[in-house]
Amino acid sequence: MSRRVVVALLGPVTWTPPGIEPARWRTALAEDVVDLLATLNEVETAVAVAARDRWLADAVVWPGTPVYEVPEPTPNAVFAALAAAGPEAGYDQVAVVAADAPDVPGLTLGKLLRPLTTRPVAVAPVEGGGTGLLGVAARLPVPAWLPALDLDTTAPAEVRRAAPSPGDVAVTAGWRRMRGPADLAALDPAVEGWEATRALLSGRPV
């Protein structure tokens, strides 16, 4: 069986709801994503963060969760960090996901990894407005043709254009990220999960 890891990339947050302190918002989002990863079956979990934001990783990780410090918060930097870890990491497949999707279903993340049985790369787009990716998954070592990726700006079509064949890149189910009022409004209070974000929003001034 392939050894797989899902890494929450604790990158910067581009939008914060009015009335909430940005660091608290960023922490709540990251905590919910990390908590979700801990519930996934048949995968290991980790966190990646720029050295300047190590405080955030320390605030949200579970005991024993690996934390990779990367020079920049990009999927490529995460792939490089795993490669540098050598045999002690020993992963066959890796998925890197944005840490501002607090209500993303675990099934959606599972679908990001599933195509790697037959394809070298898979990407999950962002639903709703704006560009970017929810996450990217790849077999290790990653293909040499994989371009520089930015979860905030890269489109699935860009990754497919870089591949030797468009079919080398699977586009899987997407999900929203909290990057504006419309994304916030789409949070469903009836859905379980996203407890830290829910608690923070409940105390927000109206």
N, C-alpha and C. Protein backbone atom coordinates (compact mmCIF):
# COMPACT_ATOMS: atom_id res chain seq x y z
N MET A 1 0.83 -1.19 0.00
CA MET A 1 0.00 0.00 0.00
C MET A 1 0.87 1.25 0.00
N SER A 2 0.48 2.25 -0.79
CA SER A 2 1.23 3.50 -0.86
C SER A 2 1.13 4.25 0.46
N ARG A 3 2.23 4.86 0.84
CA ARG A 3 2.25 5.69 2.05
C ARG A 3 1.94 7.12 1.63
N ARG A 4 0.87 7.67 2.19
CA ARG A 4 0.36 8.96 1.75
C ARG A 4 0.33 9.95 2.90
N VAL A 5 0.57 11.22 2.58
CA VAL A 5 0.50 12.28 3.59
C VAL A 5 -0.29 13.45 3.02
N VAL A 6 -1.11 14.05 3.87
CA VAL A 6 -1.82 15.28 3.52
C VAL A 6 -1.25 16.39 4.38
N VAL A 7 -0.79 17.44 3.73
CA VAL A 7 -0.10 18.55 4.41
C VAL A 7 -0.98 19.79 4.35
N ALA A 8 -1.29 20.34 5.50
CA ALA A 8 -1.98 21.63 5.56
C ALA A 8 -0.94 22.74 5.42
N LEU A 9 -1.08 23.54 4.38
CA LEU A 9 -0.14 24.63 4.12
C LEU A 9 -0.69 25.90 4.77
N LEU A 10 -0.04 26.34 5.83
CA LEU A 10 -0.53 27.48 6.59
C LEU A 10 -0.01 28.78 5.98
N GLY A 11 -0.56 29.10 4.82
CA GLY A 11 -0.15 30.31 4.12
C GLY A 11 -0.89 31.53 4.64
N PRO A 12 -0.56 32.70 4.10
CA PRO A 12 -1.23 33.92 4.53
C PRO A 12 -2.71 33.90 4.16
N VAL A 13 -3.51 34.60 4.91
CA VAL A 13 -4.94 34.74 4.65
C VAL A 13 -5.18 36.11 4.04
N THR A 14 -5.92 36.14 2.93
CA THR A 14 -6.05 37.38 2.16
C THR A 14 -7.23 38.24 2.59
N TRP A 15 -8.15 37.67 3.41
CA TRP A 15 -9.34 38.43 3.81
C TRP A 15 -9.74 38.01 5.21
N THR A 16 -10.21 38.97 5.99
CA THR A 16 -10.69 38.72 7.35
C THR A 16 -12.04 39.39 7.53
N PRO A 17 -13.01 38.71 8.12
CA PRO A 17 -14.32 39.35 8.35
C PRO A 17 -14.18 40.59 9.23
N PRO A 18 -14.97 41.61 8.98
CA PRO A 18 -14.94 42.79 9.84
C PRO A 18 -15.23 42.41 11.29
N GLY A 19 -14.51 43.05 12.20
CA GLY A 19 -14.73 42.81 13.61
C GLY A 19 -13.92 41.68 14.20
N ILE A 20 -13.10 41.02 13.38
CA ILE A 20 -12.28 39.91 13.87
C ILE A 20 -10.81 40.25 13.65
N GLU A 21 -10.00 39.97 14.65
CA GLU A 21 -8.56 40.24 14.55
C GLU A 21 -7.95 39.22 13.58
N PRO A 22 -7.16 39.68 12.59
CA PRO A 22 -6.67 38.78 11.55
C PRO A 22 -5.94 37.54 12.06
N ALA A 23 -5.09 37.67 13.07
CA ALA A 23 -4.36 36.51 13.56
C ALA A 23 -5.30 35.47 14.17
N ARG A 24 -6.34 35.92 14.86
CA ARG A 24 -7.31 34.98 15.43
C ARG A 24 -8.09 34.27 14.34
N TRP A 25 -8.45 34.99 13.29
CA TRP A 25 -9.17 34.40 12.17
C TRP A 25 -8.31 33.34 11.48
N ARG A 26 -7.08 33.70 11.23
CA ARG A 26 -6.16 32.77 10.56
C ARG A 26 -5.95 31.51 11.42
N THR A 27 -5.85 31.70 12.72
CA THR A 27 -5.65 30.56 13.62
C THR A 27 -6.87 29.65 13.64
N ALA A 28 -8.07 30.24 13.67
CA ALA A 28 -9.28 29.42 13.70
C ALA A 28 -9.42 28.60 12.42
N LEU A 29 -9.17 29.22 11.28
CA LEU A 29 -9.25 28.49 10.01
C LEU A 29 -8.27 27.32 10.00
N ALA A 30 -7.03 27.61 10.37
CA ALA A 30 -5.99 26.57 10.36
C ALA A 30 -6.33 25.45 11.34
N GLU A 31 -6.83 25.80 12.50
CA GLU A 31 -7.17 24.78 13.49
C GLU A 31 -8.23 23.83 12.95
N ASP A 32 -9.24 24.37 12.28
CA ASP A 32 -10.30 23.51 11.75
C ASP A 32 -9.78 22.59 10.65
N VAL A 33 -8.91 23.09 9.79
CA VAL A 33 -8.36 22.23 8.73
C VAL A 33 -7.48 21.15 9.33
N VAL A 34 -6.63 21.50 10.28
CA VAL A 34 -5.75 20.50 10.91
C VAL A 34 -6.58 19.46 11.66
N ASP A 35 -7.63 19.88 12.34
CA ASP A 35 -8.50 18.93 13.04
C ASP A 35 -9.17 17.98 12.05
N LEU A 36 -9.57 18.49 10.90
CA LEU A 36 -10.18 17.63 9.90
C LEU A 36 -9.18 16.59 9.40
N LEU A 37 -7.96 17.01 9.12
CA LEU A 37 -6.96 16.07 8.62
C LEU A 37 -6.74 14.93 9.60
N ALA A 38 -6.84 15.22 10.89
CA ALA A 38 -6.62 14.19 11.90
C ALA A 38 -7.68 13.09 11.85
N THR A 39 -8.82 13.36 11.20
CA THR A 39 -9.88 12.36 11.12
C THR A 39 -9.80 11.49 9.87
N LEU A 40 -8.91 11.81 8.94
CA LEU A 40 -8.84 11.07 7.68
C LEU A 40 -8.25 9.68 7.90
N ASN A 41 -8.76 8.73 7.14
CA ASN A 41 -8.30 7.35 7.24
C ASN A 41 -7.22 7.06 6.20
N GLU A 42 -6.28 6.21 6.57
CA GLU A 42 -5.27 5.66 5.66
C GLU A 42 -4.33 6.72 5.09
N VAL A 43 -4.21 7.85 5.78
CA VAL A 43 -3.22 8.86 5.40
C VAL A 43 -2.55 9.37 6.67
N GLU A 44 -1.35 9.85 6.51
CA GLU A 44 -0.69 10.57 7.58
C GLU A 44 -0.90 12.07 7.35
N THR A 45 -0.70 12.85 8.37
CA THR A 45 -0.92 14.29 8.24
C THR A 45 0.30 15.07 8.71
N ALA A 46 0.43 16.26 8.18
CA ALA A 46 1.54 17.14 8.54
C ALA A 46 1.11 18.57 8.29
N VAL A 47 1.95 19.49 8.72
CA VAL A 47 1.71 20.92 8.53
C VAL A 47 2.97 21.52 7.94
N ALA A 48 2.80 22.48 7.05
CA ALA A 48 3.94 23.23 6.50
C ALA A 48 3.68 24.71 6.71
N VAL A 49 4.75 25.44 7.04
CA VAL A 49 4.59 26.85 7.36
C VAL A 49 5.93 27.55 7.16
N ALA A 50 5.87 28.81 6.78
CA ALA A 50 7.09 29.61 6.71
C ALA A 50 7.62 29.83 8.13
N ALA A 51 8.94 29.95 8.25
CA ALA A 51 9.55 30.07 9.58
C ALA A 51 8.97 31.24 10.37
N ARG A 52 8.64 32.33 9.69
CA ARG A 52 8.11 33.51 10.40
C ARG A 52 6.74 33.23 11.02
N ASP A 53 6.06 32.18 10.54
CA ASP A 53 4.72 31.85 11.03
C ASP A 53 4.71 30.55 11.85
N ARG A 54 5.86 30.17 12.36
CA ARG A 54 5.91 28.94 13.15
C ARG A 54 4.96 29.00 14.35
N TRP A 55 4.72 30.18 14.86
CA TRP A 55 3.78 30.33 15.99
C TRP A 55 2.41 29.75 15.66
N LEU A 56 2.00 29.90 14.39
CA LEU A 56 0.69 29.42 13.98
C LEU A 56 0.64 27.89 14.00
N ALA A 57 1.69 27.27 13.48
CA ALA A 57 1.74 25.80 13.52
C ALA A 57 1.71 25.31 14.96
N ASP A 58 2.49 25.94 15.82
CA ASP A 58 2.54 25.52 17.22
C ASP A 58 1.19 25.66 17.90
N ALA A 59 0.37 26.61 17.43
CA ALA A 59 -0.93 26.85 18.05
C ALA A 59 -1.98 25.84 17.63
N VAL A 60 -1.80 25.16 16.50
CA VAL A 60 -2.90 24.34 15.97
C VAL A 60 -2.57 22.86 15.82
N VAL A 61 -1.30 22.46 15.86
CA VAL A 61 -0.98 21.06 15.57
C VAL A 61 -1.32 20.16 16.76
N TRP A 62 -1.60 18.91 16.44
CA TRP A 62 -1.77 17.87 17.44
C TRP A 62 -0.39 17.38 17.86
N PRO A 63 -0.26 16.85 19.07
CA PRO A 63 1.04 16.30 19.49
C PRO A 63 1.55 15.24 18.51
N GLY A 64 2.80 15.37 18.13
CA GLY A 64 3.41 14.41 17.22
C GLY A 64 3.24 14.72 15.76
N THR A 65 2.46 15.75 15.43
CA THR A 65 2.27 16.10 14.02
C THR A 65 3.55 16.70 13.45
N PRO A 66 4.08 16.16 12.36
CA PRO A 66 5.28 16.77 11.76
C PRO A 66 5.00 18.19 11.26
N VAL A 67 5.93 19.07 11.48
CA VAL A 67 5.84 20.45 10.98
C VAL A 67 7.05 20.71 10.10
N TYR A 68 6.80 21.08 8.86
CA TYR A 68 7.87 21.38 7.92
C TYR A 68 7.95 22.89 7.75
N GLU A 69 9.10 23.47 8.05
CA GLU A 69 9.32 24.89 7.80
C GLU A 69 9.82 25.05 6.37
N VAL A 70 9.15 25.90 5.62
CA VAL A 70 9.47 26.10 4.20
C VAL A 70 9.84 27.55 3.96
N PRO A 71 10.69 27.81 2.95
CA PRO A 71 11.10 29.19 2.69
C PRO A 71 9.98 30.07 2.18
N GLU A 72 8.98 29.46 1.55
CA GLU A 72 7.82 30.21 1.07
C GLU A 72 6.62 29.27 1.12
N PRO A 73 5.42 29.80 1.35
CA PRO A 73 4.23 28.95 1.50
C PRO A 73 3.65 28.52 0.16
N THR A 74 4.35 27.62 -0.52
CA THR A 74 3.88 27.11 -1.81
C THR A 74 3.94 25.59 -1.81
N PRO A 75 3.11 24.95 -2.63
CA PRO A 75 3.20 23.49 -2.72
C PRO A 75 4.58 23.00 -3.14
N ASN A 76 5.24 23.71 -4.05
CA ASN A 76 6.56 23.27 -4.50
C ASN A 76 7.55 23.25 -3.35
N ALA A 77 7.46 24.24 -2.45
CA ALA A 77 8.34 24.27 -1.30
C ALA A 77 8.07 23.10 -0.37
N VAL A 78 6.81 22.72 -0.26
CA VAL A 78 6.46 21.55 0.56
C VAL A 78 7.03 20.28 -0.06
N PHE A 79 6.88 20.13 -1.37
CA PHE A 79 7.44 18.95 -2.04
C PHE A 79 8.94 18.88 -1.81
N ALA A 80 9.62 20.02 -1.91
CA ALA A 80 11.06 20.04 -1.72
C ALA A 80 11.43 19.67 -0.28
N ALA A 81 10.64 20.13 0.67
CA ALA A 81 10.92 19.81 2.08
C ALA A 81 10.76 18.32 2.34
N LEU A 82 9.76 17.71 1.74
CA LEU A 82 9.59 16.26 1.91
C LEU A 82 10.73 15.50 1.25
N ALA A 83 11.17 15.98 0.09
CA ALA A 83 12.29 15.32 -0.57
C ALA A 83 13.55 15.44 0.27
N ALA A 84 13.75 16.61 0.89
CA ALA A 84 14.94 16.83 1.71
C ALA A 84 14.92 15.99 2.98
N ALA A 85 13.72 15.61 3.42
CA ALA A 85 13.61 14.79 4.63
C ALA A 85 14.14 13.38 4.40
N GLY A 86 14.22 12.98 3.13
CA GLY A 86 14.81 11.70 2.78
C GLY A 86 14.01 10.50 3.24
N PRO A 87 14.68 9.37 3.47
CA PRO A 87 13.99 8.13 3.81
C PRO A 87 13.12 8.21 5.06
N GLU A 88 13.45 9.12 5.96
CA GLU A 88 12.66 9.21 7.18
C GLU A 88 11.23 9.65 6.89
N ALA A 89 11.03 10.36 5.79
CA ALA A 89 9.67 10.69 5.38
C ALA A 89 9.06 9.49 4.67
N GLY A 90 9.68 9.09 3.59
CA GLY A 90 9.29 7.85 2.93
C GLY A 90 7.91 7.82 2.33
N TYR A 91 7.38 8.97 1.95
CA TYR A 91 6.03 8.99 1.38
C TYR A 91 6.06 8.68 -0.11
N ASP A 92 4.99 8.05 -0.57
CA ASP A 92 4.82 7.77 -2.00
C ASP A 92 3.94 8.82 -2.67
N GLN A 93 3.01 9.38 -1.90
CA GLN A 93 2.06 10.35 -2.43
C GLN A 93 1.88 11.46 -1.41
N VAL A 94 1.67 12.69 -1.90
CA VAL A 94 1.46 13.82 -1.00
C VAL A 94 0.38 14.72 -1.57
N ALA A 95 -0.46 15.21 -0.70
CA ALA A 95 -1.43 16.25 -1.06
C ALA A 95 -1.17 17.47 -0.19
N VAL A 96 -1.15 18.63 -0.81
CA VAL A 96 -0.97 19.89 -0.09
C VAL A 96 -2.27 20.66 -0.22
N VAL A 97 -2.84 21.05 0.91
CA VAL A 97 -4.14 21.71 0.89
C VAL A 97 -4.06 23.05 1.60
N ALA A 98 -4.87 24.00 1.14
CA ALA A 98 -4.92 25.31 1.76
C ALA A 98 -5.56 25.22 3.14
N ALA A 99 -5.10 26.06 4.05
CA ALA A 99 -5.58 26.01 5.43
C ALA A 99 -6.63 27.09 5.71
N ASP A 100 -7.36 27.52 4.66
CA ASP A 100 -8.44 28.47 4.87
C ASP A 100 -9.77 27.93 4.32
N ALA A 101 -9.93 26.61 4.42
CA ALA A 101 -11.18 25.96 4.00
C ALA A 101 -11.70 25.15 5.19
N PRO A 102 -12.23 25.81 6.21
CA PRO A 102 -12.53 25.13 7.47
C PRO A 102 -13.61 24.08 7.40
N ASP A 103 -14.50 24.19 6.42
CA ASP A 103 -15.60 23.23 6.33
C ASP A 103 -15.45 22.25 5.19
N VAL A 104 -14.25 22.12 4.64
CA VAL A 104 -14.06 21.19 3.51
C VAL A 104 -14.35 19.76 3.97
N PRO A 105 -15.13 19.01 3.21
CA PRO A 105 -15.40 17.62 3.59
C PRO A 105 -14.17 16.73 3.41
N GLY A 106 -14.01 15.79 4.31
CA GLY A 106 -12.91 14.84 4.17
C GLY A 106 -12.99 14.09 2.86
N LEU A 107 -14.20 13.83 2.37
CA LEU A 107 -14.36 13.12 1.10
C LEU A 107 -13.74 13.89 -0.05
N THR A 108 -13.83 15.21 0.00
CA THR A 108 -13.23 16.03 -1.05
C THR A 108 -11.72 15.87 -1.08
N LEU A 109 -11.10 15.80 0.09
CA LEU A 109 -9.65 15.60 0.15
C LEU A 109 -9.28 14.19 -0.28
N GLY A 110 -10.12 13.22 0.04
CA GLY A 110 -9.87 11.86 -0.42
C GLY A 110 -9.90 11.78 -1.94
N LYS A 111 -10.80 12.51 -2.56
CA LYS A 111 -10.89 12.51 -4.02
C LYS A 111 -9.65 13.15 -4.66
N LEU A 112 -8.98 14.03 -3.93
CA LEU A 112 -7.76 14.64 -4.46
C LEU A 112 -6.63 13.62 -4.58
N LEU A 113 -6.58 12.67 -3.67
CA LEU A 113 -5.54 11.65 -3.70
C LEU A 113 -5.86 10.48 -4.63
N ARG A 114 -7.14 10.20 -4.80
CA ARG A 114 -7.54 8.98 -5.52
C ARG A 114 -6.95 8.85 -6.91
N PRO A 115 -6.88 9.91 -7.72
CA PRO A 115 -6.37 9.74 -9.09
C PRO A 115 -4.90 9.35 -9.17
N LEU A 116 -4.16 9.46 -8.07
CA LEU A 116 -2.72 9.19 -8.14
C LEU A 116 -2.41 7.72 -8.38
N THR A 117 -3.41 6.86 -8.34
CA THR A 117 -3.18 5.46 -8.71
C THR A 117 -2.88 5.32 -10.19
N THR A 118 -3.36 6.29 -10.99
CA THR A 118 -3.16 6.20 -12.44
C THR A 118 -2.54 7.45 -13.06
N ARG A 119 -2.49 8.54 -12.32
CA ARG A 119 -1.94 9.79 -12.87
C ARG A 119 -0.94 10.39 -11.88
N PRO A 120 0.04 11.14 -12.39
CA PRO A 120 1.07 11.65 -11.49
C PRO A 120 0.66 12.86 -10.65
N VAL A 121 -0.36 13.60 -11.11
CA VAL A 121 -0.73 14.85 -10.43
C VAL A 121 -2.25 14.99 -10.44
N ALA A 122 -2.79 15.56 -9.38
CA ALA A 122 -4.21 15.92 -9.32
C ALA A 122 -4.33 17.29 -8.67
N VAL A 123 -5.30 18.06 -9.11
CA VAL A 123 -5.55 19.37 -8.54
C VAL A 123 -7.03 19.52 -8.23
N ALA A 124 -7.33 20.22 -7.15
CA ALA A 124 -8.71 20.54 -6.79
C ALA A 124 -8.88 22.05 -6.89
N PRO A 125 -9.81 22.52 -7.70
CA PRO A 125 -9.98 23.96 -7.87
C PRO A 125 -10.71 24.59 -6.68
N VAL A 126 -10.68 25.91 -6.65
CA VAL A 126 -11.48 26.66 -5.68
C VAL A 126 -12.86 26.88 -6.28
N GLU A 127 -13.89 26.58 -5.50
CA GLU A 127 -15.25 26.88 -5.93
C GLU A 127 -15.58 28.32 -5.59
N GLY A 128 -16.53 28.87 -6.32
CA GLY A 128 -16.94 30.24 -6.05
C GLY A 128 -16.07 31.23 -6.81
N GLY A 129 -16.01 32.45 -6.29
CA GLY A 129 -15.28 33.50 -6.99
C GLY A 129 -13.78 33.38 -6.80
N GLY A 130 -13.07 33.96 -7.75
CA GLY A 130 -11.62 34.02 -7.63
C GLY A 130 -10.92 32.83 -8.26
N THR A 131 -9.62 32.96 -8.34
CA THR A 131 -8.79 31.92 -8.93
C THR A 131 -8.13 31.11 -7.83
N GLY A 132 -7.36 30.13 -8.27
CA GLY A 132 -6.56 29.38 -7.31
C GLY A 132 -7.02 27.94 -7.15
N LEU A 133 -6.34 27.27 -6.22
CA LEU A 133 -6.57 25.86 -5.97
C LEU A 133 -6.90 25.63 -4.51
N LEU A 134 -7.76 24.65 -4.26
CA LEU A 134 -7.94 24.17 -2.90
C LEU A 134 -6.73 23.34 -2.49
N GLY A 135 -6.22 22.55 -3.44
CA GLY A 135 -5.07 21.71 -3.13
C GLY A 135 -4.50 21.07 -4.36
N VAL A 136 -3.34 20.45 -4.19
CA VAL A 136 -2.67 19.72 -5.27
C VAL A 136 -2.06 18.46 -4.67
N ALA A 137 -2.14 17.38 -5.43
CA ALA A 137 -1.56 16.11 -4.99
C ALA A 137 -0.64 15.58 -6.07
N ALA A 138 0.39 14.86 -5.64
CA ALA A 138 1.36 14.34 -6.61
C ALA A 138 2.00 13.08 -6.07
N ARG A 139 2.41 12.23 -7.00
CA ARG A 139 3.29 11.12 -6.62
C ARG A 139 4.68 11.68 -6.36
N LEU A 140 5.38 11.04 -5.47
CA LEU A 140 6.77 11.43 -5.20
C LEU A 140 7.73 10.42 -5.82
N PRO A 141 8.85 10.89 -6.40
CA PRO A 141 9.21 12.31 -6.56
C PRO A 141 8.29 12.99 -7.57
N VAL A 142 8.06 14.29 -7.37
CA VAL A 142 7.15 15.01 -8.24
C VAL A 142 7.73 15.09 -9.64
N PRO A 143 6.89 15.14 -10.66
CA PRO A 143 7.39 15.22 -12.04
C PRO A 143 8.19 16.49 -12.27
N ALA A 144 9.21 16.38 -13.10
CA ALA A 144 10.05 17.53 -13.40
C ALA A 144 9.27 18.63 -14.12
N TRP A 145 8.20 18.27 -14.80
CA TRP A 145 7.44 19.27 -15.56
C TRP A 145 6.47 20.08 -14.69
N LEU A 146 6.30 19.72 -13.43
CA LEU A 146 5.34 20.43 -12.59
C LEU A 146 5.77 21.89 -12.45
N PRO A 147 4.91 22.84 -12.80
CA PRO A 147 5.30 24.25 -12.74
C PRO A 147 5.27 24.78 -11.31
N ALA A 148 5.75 26.00 -11.14
CA ALA A 148 5.62 26.67 -9.85
C ALA A 148 4.14 26.90 -9.57
N LEU A 149 3.70 26.52 -8.38
CA LEU A 149 2.29 26.58 -8.04
C LEU A 149 2.06 27.58 -6.93
N ASP A 150 0.96 28.31 -7.04
CA ASP A 150 0.52 29.22 -5.99
C ASP A 150 -0.94 28.91 -5.74
N LEU A 151 -1.28 28.46 -4.54
CA LEU A 151 -2.66 28.07 -4.26
C LEU A 151 -3.63 29.23 -4.42
N ASP A 152 -3.14 30.47 -4.38
CA ASP A 152 -4.02 31.62 -4.51
C ASP A 152 -4.29 32.03 -5.95
N THR A 153 -3.42 31.64 -6.87
CA THR A 153 -3.55 32.17 -8.23
C THR A 153 -3.52 31.12 -9.34
N THR A 154 -2.92 29.97 -9.10
CA THR A 154 -2.78 28.97 -10.16
C THR A 154 -4.13 28.35 -10.51
N ALA A 155 -4.40 28.23 -11.80
CA ALA A 155 -5.61 27.58 -12.29
C ALA A 155 -5.29 26.16 -12.74
N PRO A 156 -6.25 25.24 -12.63
CA PRO A 156 -6.00 23.86 -13.11
C PRO A 156 -5.50 23.81 -14.55
N ALA A 157 -6.02 24.70 -15.41
CA ALA A 157 -5.61 24.67 -16.81
C ALA A 157 -4.12 24.95 -16.97
N GLU A 158 -3.54 25.77 -16.10
CA GLU A 158 -2.11 26.05 -16.18
C GLU A 158 -1.29 24.79 -15.91
N VAL A 159 -1.73 24.01 -14.94
CA VAL A 159 -1.00 22.78 -14.60
C VAL A 159 -1.12 21.78 -15.75
N ARG A 160 -2.30 21.68 -16.32
CA ARG A 160 -2.50 20.73 -17.43
C ARG A 160 -1.68 21.13 -18.65
N ARG A 161 -1.55 22.44 -18.89
CA ARG A 161 -0.75 22.88 -20.04
C ARG A 161 0.72 22.53 -19.86
N ALA A 162 1.20 22.50 -18.63
CA ALA A 162 2.61 22.20 -18.38
C ALA A 162 2.92 20.72 -18.50
N ALA A 163 1.91 19.87 -18.42
CA ALA A 163 2.13 18.42 -18.45
C ALA A 163 2.41 17.93 -19.87
N PRO A 164 3.13 16.83 -20.02
CA PRO A 164 3.34 16.26 -21.36
C PRO A 164 2.03 15.96 -22.06
N SER A 165 1.03 15.54 -21.30
CA SER A 165 -0.32 15.31 -21.81
C SER A 165 -1.30 15.86 -20.80
N PRO A 166 -2.37 16.56 -21.25
CA PRO A 166 -3.34 17.09 -20.29
C PRO A 166 -3.93 16.01 -19.38
N GLY A 167 -3.99 14.78 -19.89
CA GLY A 167 -4.53 13.68 -19.10
C GLY A 167 -3.65 13.27 -17.93
N ASP A 168 -2.42 13.80 -17.87
CA ASP A 168 -1.54 13.50 -16.74
C ASP A 168 -1.99 14.21 -15.46
N VAL A 169 -2.88 15.18 -15.60
CA VAL A 169 -3.35 15.96 -14.45
C VAL A 169 -4.85 15.75 -14.29
N ALA A 170 -5.25 15.17 -13.19
CA ALA A 170 -6.67 15.01 -12.89
C ALA A 170 -7.18 16.26 -12.19
N VAL A 171 -8.37 16.69 -12.57
CA VAL A 171 -9.03 17.81 -11.89
C VAL A 171 -10.17 17.21 -11.07
N THR A 172 -10.08 17.33 -9.77
CA THR A 172 -11.02 16.68 -8.87
C THR A 172 -12.03 17.70 -8.31
N ALA A 173 -12.88 17.22 -7.43
CA ALA A 173 -13.91 18.09 -6.86
C ALA A 173 -13.29 19.26 -6.11
N GLY A 174 -13.88 20.43 -6.26
CA GLY A 174 -13.37 21.61 -5.59
C GLY A 174 -14.15 21.93 -4.33
N TRP A 175 -13.73 23.00 -3.68
CA TRP A 175 -14.43 23.50 -2.49
C TRP A 175 -14.05 24.95 -2.30
N ARG A 176 -14.86 25.67 -1.55
CA ARG A 176 -14.60 27.09 -1.33
C ARG A 176 -13.51 27.29 -0.27
N ARG A 177 -12.84 28.41 -0.38
CA ARG A 177 -11.92 28.89 0.64
C ARG A 177 -12.46 30.21 1.17
N MET A 178 -12.13 30.55 2.41
CA MET A 178 -12.68 31.76 3.02
C MET A 178 -11.89 32.98 2.56
N ARG A 179 -12.30 33.52 1.41
CA ARG A 179 -11.56 34.64 0.84
C ARG A 179 -12.44 35.85 0.56
N GLY A 180 -13.66 35.87 1.12
CA GLY A 180 -14.52 37.02 0.92
C GLY A 180 -15.88 36.80 1.56
N PRO A 181 -16.72 37.83 1.57
CA PRO A 181 -18.03 37.73 2.22
C PRO A 181 -18.91 36.62 1.66
N ALA A 182 -18.85 36.36 0.36
CA ALA A 182 -19.69 35.32 -0.22
C ALA A 182 -19.30 33.94 0.31
N ASP A 183 -17.99 33.71 0.49
CA ASP A 183 -17.54 32.43 1.04
C ASP A 183 -18.01 32.27 2.48
N LEU A 184 -17.93 33.34 3.23
CA LEU A 184 -18.38 33.31 4.62
C LEU A 184 -19.87 33.01 4.70
N ALA A 185 -20.63 33.62 3.82
CA ALA A 185 -22.08 33.42 3.82
C ALA A 185 -22.46 31.99 3.46
N ALA A 186 -21.57 31.28 2.77
CA ALA A 186 -21.87 29.91 2.34
C ALA A 186 -21.65 28.89 3.45
N LEU A 187 -21.02 29.27 4.55
CA LEU A 187 -20.85 28.34 5.67
C LEU A 187 -22.22 27.91 6.18
N ASP A 188 -22.40 26.61 6.35
CA ASP A 188 -23.69 26.06 6.76
C ASP A 188 -23.64 25.70 8.24
N PRO A 189 -24.35 26.43 9.09
CA PRO A 189 -24.32 26.12 10.52
C PRO A 189 -24.83 24.72 10.85
N ALA A 190 -25.60 24.11 9.95
CA ALA A 190 -26.15 22.78 10.22
C ALA A 190 -25.14 21.67 9.97
N VAL A 191 -24.03 22.00 9.32
CA VAL A 191 -23.02 21.00 9.00
C VAL A 191 -22.03 20.91 10.16
N GLU A 192 -21.71 19.69 10.57
CA GLU A 192 -20.76 19.51 11.66
C GLU A 192 -19.35 19.91 11.23
N GLY A 193 -18.52 20.21 12.21
CA GLY A 193 -17.14 20.59 11.93
C GLY A 193 -16.95 22.09 12.06
N TRP A 194 -15.82 22.57 11.57
CA TRP A 194 -15.38 23.96 11.61
C TRP A 194 -15.69 24.62 12.95
N GLU A 195 -15.36 23.92 14.03
CA GLU A 195 -15.75 24.38 15.36
C GLU A 195 -15.02 25.66 15.77
N ALA A 196 -13.73 25.76 15.49
CA ALA A 196 -12.99 26.95 15.89
C ALA A 196 -13.48 28.19 15.14
N THR A 197 -13.72 28.03 13.85
CA THR A 197 -14.25 29.15 13.06
C THR A 197 -15.64 29.52 13.53
N ARG A 198 -16.46 28.52 13.78
CA ARG A 198 -17.83 28.75 14.27
C ARG A 198 -17.81 29.54 15.59
N ALA A 199 -16.94 29.10 16.51
CA ALA A 199 -16.87 29.75 17.82
C ALA A 199 -16.40 31.20 17.69
N LEU A 200 -15.43 31.43 16.82
CA LEU A 200 -14.94 32.80 16.63
C LEU A 200 -16.02 33.68 16.04
N LEU A 201 -16.73 33.19 15.06
CA LEU A 201 -17.79 33.98 14.42
C LEU A 201 -18.94 34.26 15.37
N SER A 202 -19.21 33.34 16.28
CA SER A 202 -20.34 33.53 17.20
C SER A 202 -20.10 34.69 18.15
N GLY A 203 -18.84 35.03 18.38
CA GLY A 203 -18.53 36.14 19.27
C GLY A 203 -18.22 37.42 18.53
N ARG A 204 -18.44 37.41 17.21
CA ARG A 204 -18.11 38.61 16.41
C ARG A 204 -19.14 39.70 16.63
N PRO A 205 -18.72 40.94 16.77
CA PRO A 205 -19.69 42.02 16.88
C PRO A 205 -20.54 42.11 15.63
N VAL A 206 -21.83 42.35 15.81
CA VAL A 206 -22.76 42.46 14.67
C VAL A 206 -22.81 43.90 14.18
